[in-house]
């Protein structure tokens, strides 16, 4: 009985560890997207098309907020 409980806990632990990896990947991607938007904004600083850089930065920040919420949810699920 105890061995089955340990295996179940191990499976849950590895699932949460895998989810941390996915969330970490999206966190890194959101930082890259934000920095890319900042570069676009700075390159197009004198033109009227600089709004595209702001929109890209907004997407990067939005993804980062979702990632932080997912990390909080995973920590809450771990107990």
C-alpha atoms as a PDB file:
ATOM      1  CA  UNK A   1       0.000   0.000   0.000  1.00  0.00           C
ATOM      2  CA  UNK A   2       2.805   2.441   0.897  1.00  0.00           C
ATOM      3  CA  UNK A   3       4.662   1.644  -2.341  1.00  0.00           C
ATOM      4  CA  UNK A   4       1.586   2.546  -4.397  1.00  0.00           C
ATOM      5  CA  UNK A   5       1.277   5.836  -2.556  1.00  0.00           C
ATOM      6  CA  UNK A   6       4.918   6.649  -3.242  1.00  0.00           C
ATOM      7  CA  UNK A   7       4.531   5.852  -6.942  1.00  0.00           C
ATOM      8  CA  UNK A   8       1.450   8.047  -7.144  1.00  0.00           C
ATOM      9  CA  UNK A   9       3.278  10.906  -5.436  1.00  0.00           C
ATOM     10  CA  UNK A  10       6.224  10.431  -7.760  1.00  0.00           C
ATOM     11  CA  UNK A  11       3.981  10.621 -10.824  1.00  0.00           C
ATOM     12  CA  UNK A  12       2.360  13.790  -9.522  1.00  0.00           C
ATOM     13  CA  UNK A  13       5.761  15.242  -8.694  1.00  0.00           C
ATOM     14  CA  UNK A  14       7.124  14.515 -12.145  1.00  0.00           C
ATOM     15  CA  UNK A  15       3.991  15.994 -13.733  1.00  0.00           C
ATOM     16  CA  UNK A  16       4.380  19.198 -11.746  1.00  0.00           C
ATOM     17  CA  UNK A  17       8.099  19.282 -12.562  1.00  0.00           C
ATOM     18  CA  UNK A  18       7.220  18.959 -16.266  1.00  0.00           C
ATOM     19  CA  UNK A  19       4.685  21.763 -15.952  1.00  0.00           C
ATOM     20  CA  UNK A  20       7.341  23.948 -14.324  1.00  0.00           C
ATOM     21  CA  UNK A  21       9.513  23.289 -17.374  1.00  0.00           C
ATOM     22  CA  UNK A  22       6.743  24.314 -19.765  1.00  0.00           C
ATOM     23  CA  UNK A  23       5.955  27.424 -17.727  1.00  0.00           C
ATOM     24  CA  UNK A  24       9.657  28.288 -17.613  1.00  0.00           C
ATOM     25  CA  UNK A  25       9.882  27.981 -21.386  1.00  0.00           C
ATOM     26  CA  UNK A  26       6.938  30.332 -21.859  1.00  0.00           C
ATOM     27  CA  UNK A  27       8.431  32.729 -19.305  1.00  0.00           C
ATOM     28  CA  UNK A  28      11.670  32.888 -21.262  1.00  0.00           C
ATOM     29  CA  UNK A  29       9.731  33.295 -24.505  1.00  0.00           C
ATOM     30  CA  UNK A  30       7.720  36.181 -23.041  1.00  0.00           C
ATOM     31  CA  UNK A  31      10.906  38.012 -22.058  1.00  0.00           C
ATOM     32  CA  UNK A  32      12.277  37.506 -25.584  1.00  0.00           C
ATOM     33  CA  UNK A  33       9.023  38.818 -27.090  1.00  0.00           C
ATOM     34  CA  UNK A  34       9.086  41.864 -24.801  1.00  0.00           C
ATOM     35  CA  UNK A  35      12.709  42.659 -25.661  1.00  0.00           C
ATOM     36  CA  UNK A  36      11.924  42.176 -29.365  1.00  0.00           C
ATOM     37  CA  UNK A  37       9.070  44.671 -29.045  1.00  0.00           C
ATOM     38  CA  UNK A  38      11.383  47.119 -27.294  1.00  0.00           C
ATOM     39  CA  UNK A  39      13.904  46.801 -30.121  1.00  0.00           C
ATOM     40  CA  UNK A  40      11.172  47.371 -32.728  1.00  0.00           C
ATOM     41  CA  UNK A  41       9.980  50.400 -30.779  1.00  0.00           C
ATOM     42  CA  UNK A  42      13.479  51.887 -30.539  1.00  0.00           C
ATOM     43  CA  UNK A  43      14.262  51.246 -34.208  1.00  0.00           C
ATOM     44  CA  UNK A  44      11.035  52.922 -35.332  1.00  0.00           C
ATOM     45  CA  UNK A  45      11.234  55.744 -32.804  1.00  0.00           C
ATOM     46  CA  UNK A  46      10.953  58.553 -35.358  1.00  0.00           C
ATOM     47  CA  UNK A  47       8.141  56.992 -37.404  1.00  0.00           C
ATOM     48  CA  UNK A  48       4.443  56.551 -36.915  1.00  0.00           C
ATOM     49  CA  UNK A  49       4.787  52.737 -37.072  1.00  0.00           C
ATOM     50  CA  UNK A  50       6.358  52.547 -33.611  1.00  0.00           C
ATOM     51  CA  UNK A  51       2.965  51.492 -32.212  1.00  0.00           C
ATOM     52  CA  UNK A  52       3.704  47.972 -33.474  1.00  0.00           C
ATOM     53  CA  UNK A  53       6.577  47.760 -30.990  1.00  0.00           C
ATOM     54  CA  UNK A  54       4.260  48.810 -28.178  1.00  0.00           C
ATOM     55  CA  UNK A  55       1.730  46.135 -29.152  1.00  0.00           C
ATOM     56  CA  UNK A  56       4.468  43.484 -29.186  1.00  0.00           C
ATOM     57  CA  UNK A  57       5.649  44.608 -25.744  1.00  0.00           C
ATOM     58  CA  UNK A  58       2.049  44.425 -24.476  1.00  0.00           C
ATOM     59  CA  UNK A  59       1.813  40.815 -25.680  1.00  0.00           C
ATOM     60  CA  UNK A  60       5.094  39.938 -24.001  1.00  0.00           C
ATOM     61  CA  UNK A  61       3.977  41.503 -20.733  1.00  0.00           C
ATOM     62  CA  UNK A  62       0.584  39.781 -20.908  1.00  0.00           C
ATOM     63  CA  UNK A  63       2.225  36.404 -21.402  1.00  0.00           C
ATOM     64  CA  UNK A  64       4.549  37.130 -18.484  1.00  0.00           C
ATOM     65  CA  UNK A  65       1.562  37.881 -16.218  1.00  0.00           C
ATOM     66  CA  UNK A  66      -0.066  34.587 -17.215  1.00  0.00           C
ATOM     67  CA  UNK A  67       3.206  32.754 -16.521  1.00  0.00           C
ATOM     68  CA  UNK A  68       3.445  34.272 -13.037  1.00  0.00           C
ATOM     69  CA  UNK A  69      -0.158  33.243 -12.356  1.00  0.00           C
ATOM     70  CA  UNK A  70       0.589  29.703 -13.549  1.00  0.00           C
ATOM     71  CA  UNK A  71       3.610  29.495 -11.241  1.00  0.00           C
ATOM     72  CA  UNK A  72       1.386  30.599  -8.356  1.00  0.00           C
ATOM     73  CA  UNK A  73      -1.185  27.971  -9.294  1.00  0.00           C
ATOM     74  CA  UNK A  74       1.475  25.241  -9.449  1.00  0.00           C
ATOM     75  CA  UNK A  75       2.822  26.229  -6.037  1.00  0.00           C
ATOM     76  CA  UNK A  76      -0.702  26.192  -4.640  1.00  0.00           C
ATOM     77  CA  UNK A  77      -1.279  22.708  -6.099  1.00  0.00           C
ATOM     78  CA  UNK A  78       1.935  21.474  -4.483  1.00  0.00           C
ATOM     79  CA  UNK A  79       0.593  22.548  -1.137  1.00  0.00           C
END
